[in-house]
Amino acid sequence: MLAATGQECLSGLKEAAERDWTVPAGGLEWSCRAALDHLALGLIGYAGLLIARPTDRYITLFASLDAQAPVAHCLEGLHIATVVLRSAVREAPATVRAWHPWGHSDASGFAAMGLAELTVHTFDIGRGLGLELRPSNEVSAVILDRLFPDAPVGHAASDTLLWCTGRTELPGLPHRTSWQWDGTVR
């Protein structure tokens, strides 16, 4: 699912590679370019956590996109980060656990975190660039099931994911101004 979701996100973002990525990414304080860098850093970080398996801290390797490179080339970096995370998830034994500030997790948890980062930040960047890049209901349902066990029911999964992450409103529920997922193994 990481590979397909990564390709879908990249396809949507490639449409806007020549636009102005200095504009804010959706409702974030980051520019679209900064959100893209955060996304690549996060995916590499999750892979690193699965590989190093620390119990109480982030890893010491940080990855970033070349600030001087054109966005089209940086999207290649996002593809690389997605493949590295997918490989780390695939290679991690079922018993592997690693630290994350929102719950020690296993390979499926880090895969879900990667999916959440990919879909939600692609949505953010798309909003900033004037594109509608909503996460699919199928992928959103996987993320919700793994990371948001207390998510409200009765709405489309993509709407619920965007509400859980403070991006949109749901009927009858207040807009979230703070949030976090639960990556613990259940």
N, C-alpha and C. Protein backbone atom coordinates (compact mmCIF):
# COMPACT_ATOMS: atom_id res chain seq x y z
N MET A 1 0.82 -1.20 0.00
CA MET A 1 0.00 0.00 0.00
C MET A 1 0.87 1.27 0.00
N LEU A 2 2.05 1.19 0.64
CA LEU A 2 2.94 2.36 0.63
C LEU A 2 3.38 2.73 -0.78
N ALA A 3 3.73 1.72 -1.57
CA ALA A 3 4.20 2.00 -2.93
C ALA A 3 3.10 2.66 -3.76
N ALA A 4 1.92 2.09 -3.74
CA ALA A 4 0.81 2.64 -4.54
C ALA A 4 0.42 4.03 -4.06
N THR A 5 0.36 4.22 -2.75
CA THR A 5 -0.01 5.53 -2.21
C THR A 5 1.07 6.55 -2.54
N GLY A 6 2.33 6.15 -2.40
CA GLY A 6 3.42 7.05 -2.76
C GLY A 6 3.34 7.48 -4.21
N GLN A 7 3.08 6.54 -5.10
CA GLN A 7 2.97 6.88 -6.53
C GLN A 7 1.78 7.79 -6.79
N GLU A 8 0.66 7.54 -6.12
CA GLU A 8 -0.52 8.38 -6.30
C GLU A 8 -0.24 9.81 -5.84
N CYS A 9 0.40 9.93 -4.68
CA CYS A 9 0.73 11.26 -4.16
C CYS A 9 1.71 11.98 -5.09
N LEU A 10 2.73 11.26 -5.54
CA LEU A 10 3.71 11.85 -6.45
C LEU A 10 3.06 12.30 -7.76
N SER A 11 2.17 11.50 -8.28
CA SER A 11 1.50 11.87 -9.53
C SER A 11 0.74 13.18 -9.38
N GLY A 12 0.03 13.31 -8.27
CA GLY A 12 -0.71 14.55 -8.02
C GLY A 12 0.21 15.74 -7.85
N LEU A 13 1.30 15.56 -7.12
CA LEU A 13 2.22 16.67 -6.87
C LEU A 13 3.01 17.06 -8.12
N LYS A 14 3.31 16.08 -8.98
CA LYS A 14 4.06 16.38 -10.21
C LYS A 14 3.28 17.34 -11.11
N GLU A 15 1.96 17.29 -11.04
CA GLU A 15 1.13 18.21 -11.84
C GLU A 15 1.44 19.66 -11.52
N ALA A 16 1.89 19.90 -10.30
CA ALA A 16 2.10 21.27 -9.84
C ALA A 16 3.58 21.60 -9.62
N ALA A 17 4.48 20.81 -10.16
CA ALA A 17 5.91 21.01 -9.91
C ALA A 17 6.40 22.39 -10.35
N GLU A 18 5.78 22.99 -11.32
CA GLU A 18 6.23 24.29 -11.83
C GLU A 18 5.52 25.46 -11.16
N ARG A 19 4.62 25.20 -10.24
CA ARG A 19 3.92 26.29 -9.55
C ARG A 19 4.80 26.87 -8.45
N ASP A 20 4.30 27.88 -7.78
CA ASP A 20 5.04 28.56 -6.72
C ASP A 20 4.90 27.79 -5.41
N TRP A 21 5.94 27.07 -5.02
CA TRP A 21 5.93 26.25 -3.81
C TRP A 21 6.32 27.03 -2.57
N THR A 22 6.45 28.35 -2.69
CA THR A 22 6.73 29.16 -1.50
C THR A 22 5.45 29.56 -0.79
N VAL A 23 4.30 29.28 -1.39
CA VAL A 23 3.01 29.60 -0.75
C VAL A 23 2.75 28.65 0.41
N PRO A 24 1.92 29.07 1.37
CA PRO A 24 1.62 28.17 2.50
C PRO A 24 0.94 26.88 2.03
N ALA A 25 1.27 25.80 2.70
CA ALA A 25 0.68 24.48 2.41
C ALA A 25 -0.63 24.36 3.17
N GLY A 26 -1.73 24.59 2.48
CA GLY A 26 -3.04 24.48 3.12
C GLY A 26 -3.13 25.38 4.34
N GLY A 27 -3.54 24.81 5.46
CA GLY A 27 -3.67 25.58 6.68
C GLY A 27 -2.42 25.56 7.54
N LEU A 28 -1.30 25.10 7.01
CA LEU A 28 -0.06 25.01 7.78
C LEU A 28 0.71 26.33 7.74
N GLU A 29 1.62 26.50 8.68
CA GLU A 29 2.51 27.65 8.68
C GLU A 29 3.68 27.43 7.71
N TRP A 30 3.90 26.20 7.28
CA TRP A 30 4.98 25.86 6.36
C TRP A 30 4.60 26.23 4.93
N SER A 31 5.61 26.48 4.13
CA SER A 31 5.38 26.60 2.69
C SER A 31 5.17 25.19 2.12
N CYS A 32 4.70 25.13 0.90
CA CYS A 32 4.55 23.82 0.25
C CYS A 32 5.91 23.14 0.15
N ARG A 33 6.94 23.89 -0.13
CA ARG A 33 8.29 23.32 -0.23
C ARG A 33 8.75 22.77 1.12
N ALA A 34 8.50 23.51 2.21
CA ALA A 34 8.89 23.04 3.54
C ALA A 34 8.09 21.79 3.93
N ALA A 35 6.82 21.75 3.55
CA ALA A 35 6.00 20.56 3.84
C ALA A 35 6.55 19.34 3.09
N LEU A 36 7.01 19.55 1.86
CA LEU A 36 7.60 18.45 1.09
C LEU A 36 8.87 17.94 1.78
N ASP A 37 9.70 18.86 2.27
CA ASP A 37 10.91 18.47 2.98
C ASP A 37 10.56 17.71 4.26
N HIS A 38 9.58 18.20 5.00
CA HIS A 38 9.13 17.51 6.22
C HIS A 38 8.66 16.09 5.89
N LEU A 39 7.96 15.96 4.82
CA LEU A 39 7.44 14.66 4.41
C LEU A 39 8.57 13.68 4.12
N ALA A 40 9.56 14.09 3.35
CA ALA A 40 10.70 13.22 3.05
C ALA A 40 11.46 12.87 4.33
N LEU A 41 11.69 13.86 5.17
CA LEU A 41 12.38 13.64 6.44
C LEU A 41 11.62 12.63 7.30
N GLY A 42 10.30 12.77 7.37
CA GLY A 42 9.49 11.86 8.18
C GLY A 42 9.56 10.43 7.71
N LEU A 43 9.46 10.22 6.42
CA LEU A 43 9.50 8.86 5.89
C LEU A 43 10.84 8.20 6.14
N ILE A 44 11.92 8.94 5.91
CA ILE A 44 13.26 8.40 6.19
C ILE A 44 13.41 8.15 7.69
N GLY A 45 12.89 9.05 8.50
CA GLY A 45 12.96 8.89 9.95
C GLY A 45 12.23 7.64 10.43
N TYR A 46 11.06 7.37 9.89
CA TYR A 46 10.32 6.17 10.29
C TYR A 46 11.09 4.92 9.89
N ALA A 47 11.68 4.93 8.70
CA ALA A 47 12.50 3.79 8.28
C ALA A 47 13.68 3.62 9.23
N GLY A 48 14.31 4.71 9.57
CA GLY A 48 15.45 4.66 10.49
C GLY A 48 15.08 4.14 11.86
N LEU A 49 13.92 4.54 12.35
CA LEU A 49 13.47 4.03 13.64
C LEU A 49 13.28 2.52 13.59
N LEU A 50 12.69 2.02 12.52
CA LEU A 50 12.50 0.57 12.38
C LEU A 50 13.83 -0.17 12.28
N ILE A 51 14.81 0.44 11.66
CA ILE A 51 16.10 -0.20 11.48
C ILE A 51 16.93 -0.14 12.76
N ALA A 52 17.01 1.04 13.39
CA ALA A 52 17.85 1.22 14.58
C ALA A 52 17.17 0.71 15.86
N ARG A 53 15.86 0.78 15.89
CA ARG A 53 15.04 0.29 17.01
C ARG A 53 15.38 0.92 18.36
N PRO A 54 15.50 2.24 18.43
CA PRO A 54 15.74 2.86 19.72
C PRO A 54 14.51 2.69 20.61
N THR A 55 14.73 2.73 21.90
CA THR A 55 13.61 2.56 22.84
C THR A 55 13.18 3.87 23.49
N ASP A 56 13.97 4.94 23.30
CA ASP A 56 13.66 6.15 24.04
C ASP A 56 13.99 7.46 23.32
N ARG A 57 14.19 7.42 22.01
CA ARG A 57 14.60 8.65 21.32
C ARG A 57 14.48 8.49 19.81
N TYR A 58 14.55 9.67 19.14
CA TYR A 58 14.66 9.67 17.69
C TYR A 58 16.04 9.17 17.28
N ILE A 59 16.16 8.77 16.03
CA ILE A 59 17.46 8.38 15.50
C ILE A 59 18.29 9.65 15.23
N THR A 60 19.56 9.49 14.98
CA THR A 60 20.43 10.64 14.77
C THR A 60 20.62 10.99 13.30
N LEU A 61 20.06 10.22 12.40
CA LEU A 61 20.15 10.51 10.97
C LEU A 61 18.96 11.37 10.56
N PHE A 62 19.26 12.49 9.94
CA PHE A 62 18.20 13.33 9.40
C PHE A 62 18.44 13.49 7.91
N ALA A 63 17.39 13.41 7.14
CA ALA A 63 17.48 13.55 5.69
C ALA A 63 16.69 14.78 5.28
N SER A 64 17.20 15.47 4.29
CA SER A 64 16.46 16.62 3.77
C SER A 64 16.66 16.68 2.26
N LEU A 65 15.78 17.39 1.64
CA LEU A 65 15.87 17.59 0.20
C LEU A 65 16.80 18.76 -0.07
N ASP A 66 17.47 18.74 -1.19
CA ASP A 66 18.38 19.81 -1.58
C ASP A 66 17.58 21.10 -1.75
N ALA A 67 17.86 22.09 -0.92
CA ALA A 67 17.11 23.35 -0.94
C ALA A 67 17.28 24.09 -2.27
N GLN A 68 18.33 23.79 -3.02
CA GLN A 68 18.58 24.47 -4.30
C GLN A 68 18.00 23.72 -5.50
N ALA A 69 17.57 22.49 -5.27
CA ALA A 69 17.06 21.67 -6.38
C ALA A 69 15.65 22.10 -6.77
N PRO A 70 15.32 21.96 -8.04
CA PRO A 70 13.95 22.24 -8.46
C PRO A 70 12.98 21.23 -7.81
N VAL A 71 11.75 21.65 -7.65
CA VAL A 71 10.75 20.79 -7.02
C VAL A 71 10.63 19.45 -7.74
N ALA A 72 10.68 19.46 -9.04
CA ALA A 72 10.57 18.19 -9.78
C ALA A 72 11.64 17.20 -9.34
N HIS A 73 12.83 17.67 -9.04
CA HIS A 73 13.90 16.78 -8.58
C HIS A 73 13.65 16.37 -7.13
N CYS A 74 13.09 17.27 -6.34
CA CYS A 74 12.79 16.94 -4.94
C CYS A 74 11.71 15.87 -4.85
N LEU A 75 10.82 15.83 -5.82
CA LEU A 75 9.81 14.78 -5.84
C LEU A 75 10.46 13.42 -6.02
N GLU A 76 11.58 13.37 -6.73
CA GLU A 76 12.36 12.14 -6.82
C GLU A 76 12.83 11.71 -5.42
N GLY A 77 13.24 12.69 -4.61
CA GLY A 77 13.65 12.41 -3.24
C GLY A 77 12.51 11.85 -2.41
N LEU A 78 11.31 12.35 -2.64
CA LEU A 78 10.15 11.81 -1.93
C LEU A 78 9.91 10.36 -2.34
N HIS A 79 10.07 10.07 -3.61
CA HIS A 79 9.93 8.68 -4.08
C HIS A 79 10.97 7.79 -3.38
N ILE A 80 12.21 8.24 -3.31
CA ILE A 80 13.26 7.46 -2.64
C ILE A 80 12.89 7.21 -1.19
N ALA A 81 12.44 8.25 -0.49
CA ALA A 81 12.07 8.11 0.92
C ALA A 81 10.94 7.10 1.11
N THR A 82 9.99 7.09 0.20
CA THR A 82 8.88 6.14 0.27
C THR A 82 9.38 4.71 0.08
N VAL A 83 10.26 4.51 -0.88
CA VAL A 83 10.81 3.18 -1.14
C VAL A 83 11.65 2.70 0.05
N VAL A 84 12.43 3.58 0.65
CA VAL A 84 13.24 3.20 1.81
C VAL A 84 12.33 2.77 2.96
N LEU A 85 11.26 3.53 3.22
CA LEU A 85 10.34 3.13 4.29
C LEU A 85 9.67 1.80 3.96
N ARG A 86 9.22 1.64 2.73
CA ARG A 86 8.57 0.38 2.33
C ARG A 86 9.52 -0.79 2.54
N SER A 87 10.77 -0.63 2.18
CA SER A 87 11.76 -1.70 2.36
C SER A 87 11.99 -2.00 3.84
N ALA A 88 12.08 -0.97 4.66
CA ALA A 88 12.29 -1.19 6.10
C ALA A 88 11.09 -1.90 6.72
N VAL A 89 9.89 -1.54 6.30
CA VAL A 89 8.68 -2.20 6.80
C VAL A 89 8.68 -3.66 6.38
N ARG A 90 9.00 -3.92 5.14
CA ARG A 90 9.00 -5.30 4.62
C ARG A 90 10.04 -6.17 5.32
N GLU A 91 11.19 -5.61 5.63
CA GLU A 91 12.29 -6.38 6.22
C GLU A 91 12.21 -6.52 7.74
N ALA A 92 11.41 -5.73 8.40
CA ALA A 92 11.35 -5.76 9.86
C ALA A 92 10.62 -7.01 10.34
N PRO A 93 11.24 -7.78 11.24
CA PRO A 93 10.53 -8.92 11.83
C PRO A 93 9.29 -8.46 12.60
N ALA A 94 8.33 -9.33 12.72
CA ALA A 94 7.07 -8.99 13.39
C ALA A 94 7.26 -8.56 14.84
N THR A 95 8.34 -9.00 15.46
CA THR A 95 8.59 -8.68 16.87
C THR A 95 9.26 -7.33 17.09
N VAL A 96 9.67 -6.66 16.01
CA VAL A 96 10.39 -5.38 16.13
C VAL A 96 9.45 -4.31 16.69
N ARG A 97 10.00 -3.56 17.66
CA ARG A 97 9.31 -2.40 18.22
C ARG A 97 10.33 -1.26 18.24
N ALA A 98 9.86 -0.06 18.01
CA ALA A 98 10.74 1.10 18.06
C ALA A 98 9.98 2.28 18.66
N TRP A 99 10.74 3.19 19.22
CA TRP A 99 10.20 4.37 19.87
C TRP A 99 9.60 5.33 18.85
N HIS A 100 8.53 5.94 19.24
CA HIS A 100 7.95 7.11 18.56
C HIS A 100 7.29 7.91 19.66
N PRO A 101 7.32 9.23 19.60
CA PRO A 101 6.74 10.02 20.70
C PRO A 101 5.24 9.77 20.90
N TRP A 102 4.58 9.26 19.88
CA TRP A 102 3.14 8.99 19.99
C TRP A 102 2.86 7.50 20.12
N GLY A 103 3.81 6.77 20.67
CA GLY A 103 3.62 5.36 20.97
C GLY A 103 4.64 4.47 20.31
N HIS A 104 5.31 3.63 21.10
CA HIS A 104 6.21 2.62 20.54
C HIS A 104 5.42 1.80 19.53
N SER A 105 6.03 1.52 18.40
CA SER A 105 5.26 0.89 17.34
C SER A 105 6.03 -0.23 16.66
N ASP A 106 5.31 -0.94 15.80
CA ASP A 106 5.86 -2.03 15.01
C ASP A 106 5.87 -1.61 13.54
N ALA A 107 6.24 -2.53 12.68
CA ALA A 107 6.34 -2.20 11.25
C ALA A 107 5.00 -1.72 10.68
N SER A 108 3.90 -2.35 11.04
CA SER A 108 2.62 -1.91 10.49
C SER A 108 2.25 -0.53 11.00
N GLY A 109 2.64 -0.22 12.21
CA GLY A 109 2.40 1.12 12.74
C GLY A 109 3.19 2.17 11.99
N PHE A 110 4.48 1.89 11.72
CA PHE A 110 5.28 2.85 10.98
C PHE A 110 4.81 2.95 9.52
N ALA A 111 4.32 1.87 8.97
CA ALA A 111 3.74 1.94 7.62
C ALA A 111 2.52 2.86 7.64
N ALA A 112 1.67 2.71 8.64
CA ALA A 112 0.48 3.58 8.74
C ALA A 112 0.88 5.03 8.96
N MET A 113 1.93 5.26 9.76
CA MET A 113 2.41 6.63 9.96
C MET A 113 2.90 7.21 8.63
N GLY A 114 3.62 6.41 7.86
CA GLY A 114 4.08 6.86 6.55
C GLY A 114 2.92 7.17 5.62
N LEU A 115 1.90 6.32 5.65
CA LEU A 115 0.70 6.58 4.84
C LEU A 115 0.02 7.86 5.27
N ALA A 116 -0.06 8.08 6.58
CA ALA A 116 -0.68 9.31 7.09
C ALA A 116 0.10 10.53 6.63
N GLU A 117 1.41 10.48 6.77
CA GLU A 117 2.24 11.61 6.34
C GLU A 117 2.05 11.87 4.84
N LEU A 118 2.14 10.82 4.04
CA LEU A 118 1.99 10.96 2.60
C LEU A 118 0.65 11.59 2.22
N THR A 119 -0.42 11.03 2.73
CA THR A 119 -1.74 11.47 2.30
C THR A 119 -2.11 12.84 2.85
N VAL A 120 -1.84 13.07 4.12
CA VAL A 120 -2.26 14.34 4.73
C VAL A 120 -1.41 15.49 4.21
N HIS A 121 -0.09 15.29 4.10
CA HIS A 121 0.73 16.41 3.61
C HIS A 121 0.59 16.61 2.10
N THR A 122 0.26 15.57 1.36
CA THR A 122 -0.08 15.78 -0.05
C THR A 122 -1.34 16.61 -0.14
N PHE A 123 -2.30 16.34 0.73
CA PHE A 123 -3.52 17.15 0.79
C PHE A 123 -3.17 18.60 1.10
N ASP A 124 -2.30 18.82 2.10
CA ASP A 124 -1.90 20.17 2.49
C ASP A 124 -1.24 20.91 1.33
N ILE A 125 -0.27 20.25 0.71
CA ILE A 125 0.44 20.87 -0.40
C ILE A 125 -0.52 21.15 -1.55
N GLY A 126 -1.37 20.19 -1.84
CA GLY A 126 -2.36 20.38 -2.90
C GLY A 126 -3.24 21.59 -2.64
N ARG A 127 -3.71 21.75 -1.42
CA ARG A 127 -4.53 22.92 -1.09
C ARG A 127 -3.76 24.21 -1.33
N GLY A 128 -2.49 24.22 -0.94
CA GLY A 128 -1.69 25.42 -1.15
C GLY A 128 -1.49 25.74 -2.61
N LEU A 129 -1.43 24.72 -3.43
CA LEU A 129 -1.17 24.89 -4.87
C LEU A 129 -2.45 24.90 -5.70
N GLY A 130 -3.60 24.87 -5.04
CA GLY A 130 -4.87 24.92 -5.75
C GLY A 130 -5.32 23.62 -6.36
N LEU A 131 -4.84 22.50 -5.81
CA LEU A 131 -5.24 21.17 -6.29
C LEU A 131 -6.05 20.45 -5.23
N GLU A 132 -6.94 19.61 -5.65
CA GLU A 132 -7.74 18.78 -4.73
C GLU A 132 -7.10 17.39 -4.70
N LEU A 133 -6.25 17.16 -3.71
CA LEU A 133 -5.53 15.88 -3.60
C LEU A 133 -5.93 15.18 -2.30
N ARG A 134 -7.18 14.80 -2.24
CA ARG A 134 -7.72 14.14 -1.05
C ARG A 134 -7.24 12.69 -0.96
N PRO A 135 -7.02 12.21 0.26
CA PRO A 135 -6.65 10.80 0.41
C PRO A 135 -7.82 9.90 0.01
N SER A 136 -7.51 8.71 -0.46
CA SER A 136 -8.58 7.77 -0.82
C SER A 136 -9.24 7.24 0.46
N ASN A 137 -10.47 6.81 0.32
CA ASN A 137 -11.17 6.22 1.47
C ASN A 137 -10.51 4.92 1.90
N GLU A 138 -9.99 4.14 0.95
CA GLU A 138 -9.36 2.86 1.28
C GLU A 138 -8.12 3.08 2.15
N VAL A 139 -7.23 3.96 1.73
CA VAL A 139 -6.02 4.23 2.50
C VAL A 139 -6.37 4.90 3.82
N SER A 140 -7.31 5.82 3.79
CA SER A 140 -7.73 6.51 5.01
C SER A 140 -8.26 5.52 6.04
N ALA A 141 -9.02 4.53 5.60
CA ALA A 141 -9.57 3.53 6.52
C ALA A 141 -8.45 2.74 7.20
N VAL A 142 -7.40 2.41 6.46
CA VAL A 142 -6.26 1.69 7.03
C VAL A 142 -5.57 2.55 8.09
N ILE A 143 -5.35 3.82 7.77
CA ILE A 143 -4.71 4.74 8.71
C ILE A 143 -5.56 4.90 9.97
N LEU A 144 -6.84 5.12 9.79
CA LEU A 144 -7.74 5.30 10.94
C LEU A 144 -7.75 4.07 11.83
N ASP A 145 -7.83 2.89 11.20
CA ASP A 145 -7.89 1.65 11.97
C ASP A 145 -6.63 1.47 12.81
N ARG A 146 -5.48 1.82 12.27
CA ARG A 146 -4.22 1.58 12.96
C ARG A 146 -3.81 2.69 13.91
N LEU A 147 -4.08 3.94 13.54
CA LEU A 147 -3.56 5.07 14.31
C LEU A 147 -4.59 5.89 15.08
N PHE A 148 -5.84 5.79 14.69
CA PHE A 148 -6.90 6.58 15.33
C PHE A 148 -8.04 5.68 15.78
N PRO A 149 -7.80 4.80 16.76
CA PRO A 149 -8.83 3.84 17.16
C PRO A 149 -10.10 4.48 17.72
N ASP A 150 -10.03 5.71 18.16
CA ASP A 150 -11.20 6.40 18.70
C ASP A 150 -11.84 7.36 17.70
N ALA A 151 -11.52 7.22 16.43
CA ALA A 151 -12.08 8.11 15.41
C ALA A 151 -13.59 7.96 15.35
N PRO A 152 -14.28 9.06 15.09
CA PRO A 152 -15.74 8.97 14.95
C PRO A 152 -16.12 8.12 13.74
N VAL A 153 -17.28 7.51 13.81
CA VAL A 153 -17.77 6.68 12.71
C VAL A 153 -18.94 7.37 12.03
N GLY A 154 -19.32 6.85 10.89
CA GLY A 154 -20.48 7.37 10.19
C GLY A 154 -20.17 8.41 9.13
N HIS A 155 -18.90 8.58 8.81
CA HIS A 155 -18.47 9.54 7.79
C HIS A 155 -17.54 8.82 6.83
N ALA A 156 -17.33 9.40 5.68
CA ALA A 156 -16.36 8.84 4.74
C ALA A 156 -15.00 8.80 5.43
N ALA A 157 -14.25 7.75 5.19
CA ALA A 157 -12.96 7.58 5.87
C ALA A 157 -12.01 8.75 5.59
N SER A 158 -11.99 9.26 4.36
CA SER A 158 -11.08 10.38 4.06
C SER A 158 -11.48 11.63 4.83
N ASP A 159 -12.78 11.88 4.94
CA ASP A 159 -13.24 13.04 5.73
C ASP A 159 -12.86 12.87 7.19
N THR A 160 -13.00 11.66 7.70
CA THR A 160 -12.66 11.40 9.10
C THR A 160 -11.17 11.57 9.35
N LEU A 161 -10.33 11.06 8.44
CA LEU A 161 -8.89 11.23 8.59
C LEU A 161 -8.52 12.70 8.59
N LEU A 162 -9.07 13.46 7.66
CA LEU A 162 -8.75 14.89 7.61
C LEU A 162 -9.25 15.61 8.86
N TRP A 163 -10.37 15.18 9.42
CA TRP A 163 -10.84 15.76 10.69
C TRP A 163 -9.90 15.36 11.83
N CYS A 164 -9.53 14.08 11.90
CA CYS A 164 -8.65 13.61 12.97
C CYS A 164 -7.33 14.36 12.99
N THR A 165 -6.87 14.80 11.83
CA THR A 165 -5.59 15.50 11.74
C THR A 165 -5.76 17.02 11.66
N GLY A 166 -6.94 17.50 12.01
CA GLY A 166 -7.17 18.93 12.12
C GLY A 166 -7.26 19.69 10.81
N ARG A 167 -7.54 18.98 9.71
CA ARG A 167 -7.59 19.66 8.41
C ARG A 167 -8.98 20.15 8.03
N THR A 168 -10.01 19.43 8.43
CA THR A 168 -11.37 19.79 8.03
C THR A 168 -12.32 19.61 9.20
N GLU A 169 -13.54 20.00 8.97
CA GLU A 169 -14.58 19.81 9.98
C GLU A 169 -15.43 18.60 9.61
N LEU A 170 -16.08 18.04 10.61
CA LEU A 170 -17.10 17.01 10.40
C LEU A 170 -18.39 17.54 11.00
N PRO A 171 -19.52 17.21 10.39
CA PRO A 171 -20.79 17.69 10.92
C PRO A 171 -20.98 17.30 12.38
N GLY A 172 -21.31 18.28 13.19
CA GLY A 172 -21.60 18.03 14.60
C GLY A 172 -20.39 17.90 15.49
N LEU A 173 -19.19 18.03 14.94
CA LEU A 173 -17.97 17.92 15.74
C LEU A 173 -17.14 19.19 15.59
N PRO A 174 -16.55 19.65 16.68
CA PRO A 174 -15.74 20.87 16.58
C PRO A 174 -14.45 20.61 15.79
N HIS A 175 -13.98 21.64 15.14
CA HIS A 175 -12.72 21.55 14.40
C HIS A 175 -11.59 21.27 15.38
N ARG A 176 -10.74 20.31 15.07
CA ARG A 176 -9.62 19.99 15.96
C ARG A 176 -8.49 20.99 15.74
N THR A 177 -7.99 21.51 16.86
CA THR A 177 -6.85 22.42 16.78
C THR A 177 -5.57 21.76 17.25
N SER A 178 -5.69 20.63 17.91
CA SER A 178 -4.53 19.82 18.27
C SER A 178 -4.93 18.36 18.18
N TRP A 179 -3.96 17.52 17.91
CA TRP A 179 -4.26 16.10 17.70
C TRP A 179 -2.95 15.32 17.75
N GLN A 180 -3.08 14.03 17.89
CA GLN A 180 -1.98 13.10 17.69
C GLN A 180 -2.55 11.71 17.49
N TRP A 181 -1.81 10.88 16.80
CA TRP A 181 -2.26 9.52 16.61
C TRP A 181 -1.72 8.64 17.74
N ASP A 182 -2.16 7.40 17.76
CA ASP A 182 -1.70 6.42 18.74
C ASP A 182 -1.02 5.29 17.97
N GLY A 183 0.30 5.30 17.99
CA GLY A 183 1.05 4.31 17.23
C GLY A 183 1.32 3.01 17.97
N THR A 184 0.83 2.92 19.22
CA THR A 184 1.13 1.71 20.00
C THR A 184 0.57 0.47 19.34
N VAL A 185 1.22 -0.64 19.61
CA VAL A 185 0.79 -1.92 19.07
C VAL A 185 -0.42 -2.40 19.84
N ARG A 186 -1.46 -2.80 19.12
CA ARG A 186 -2.66 -3.30 19.77
C ARG A 186 -2.87 -4.74 19.39
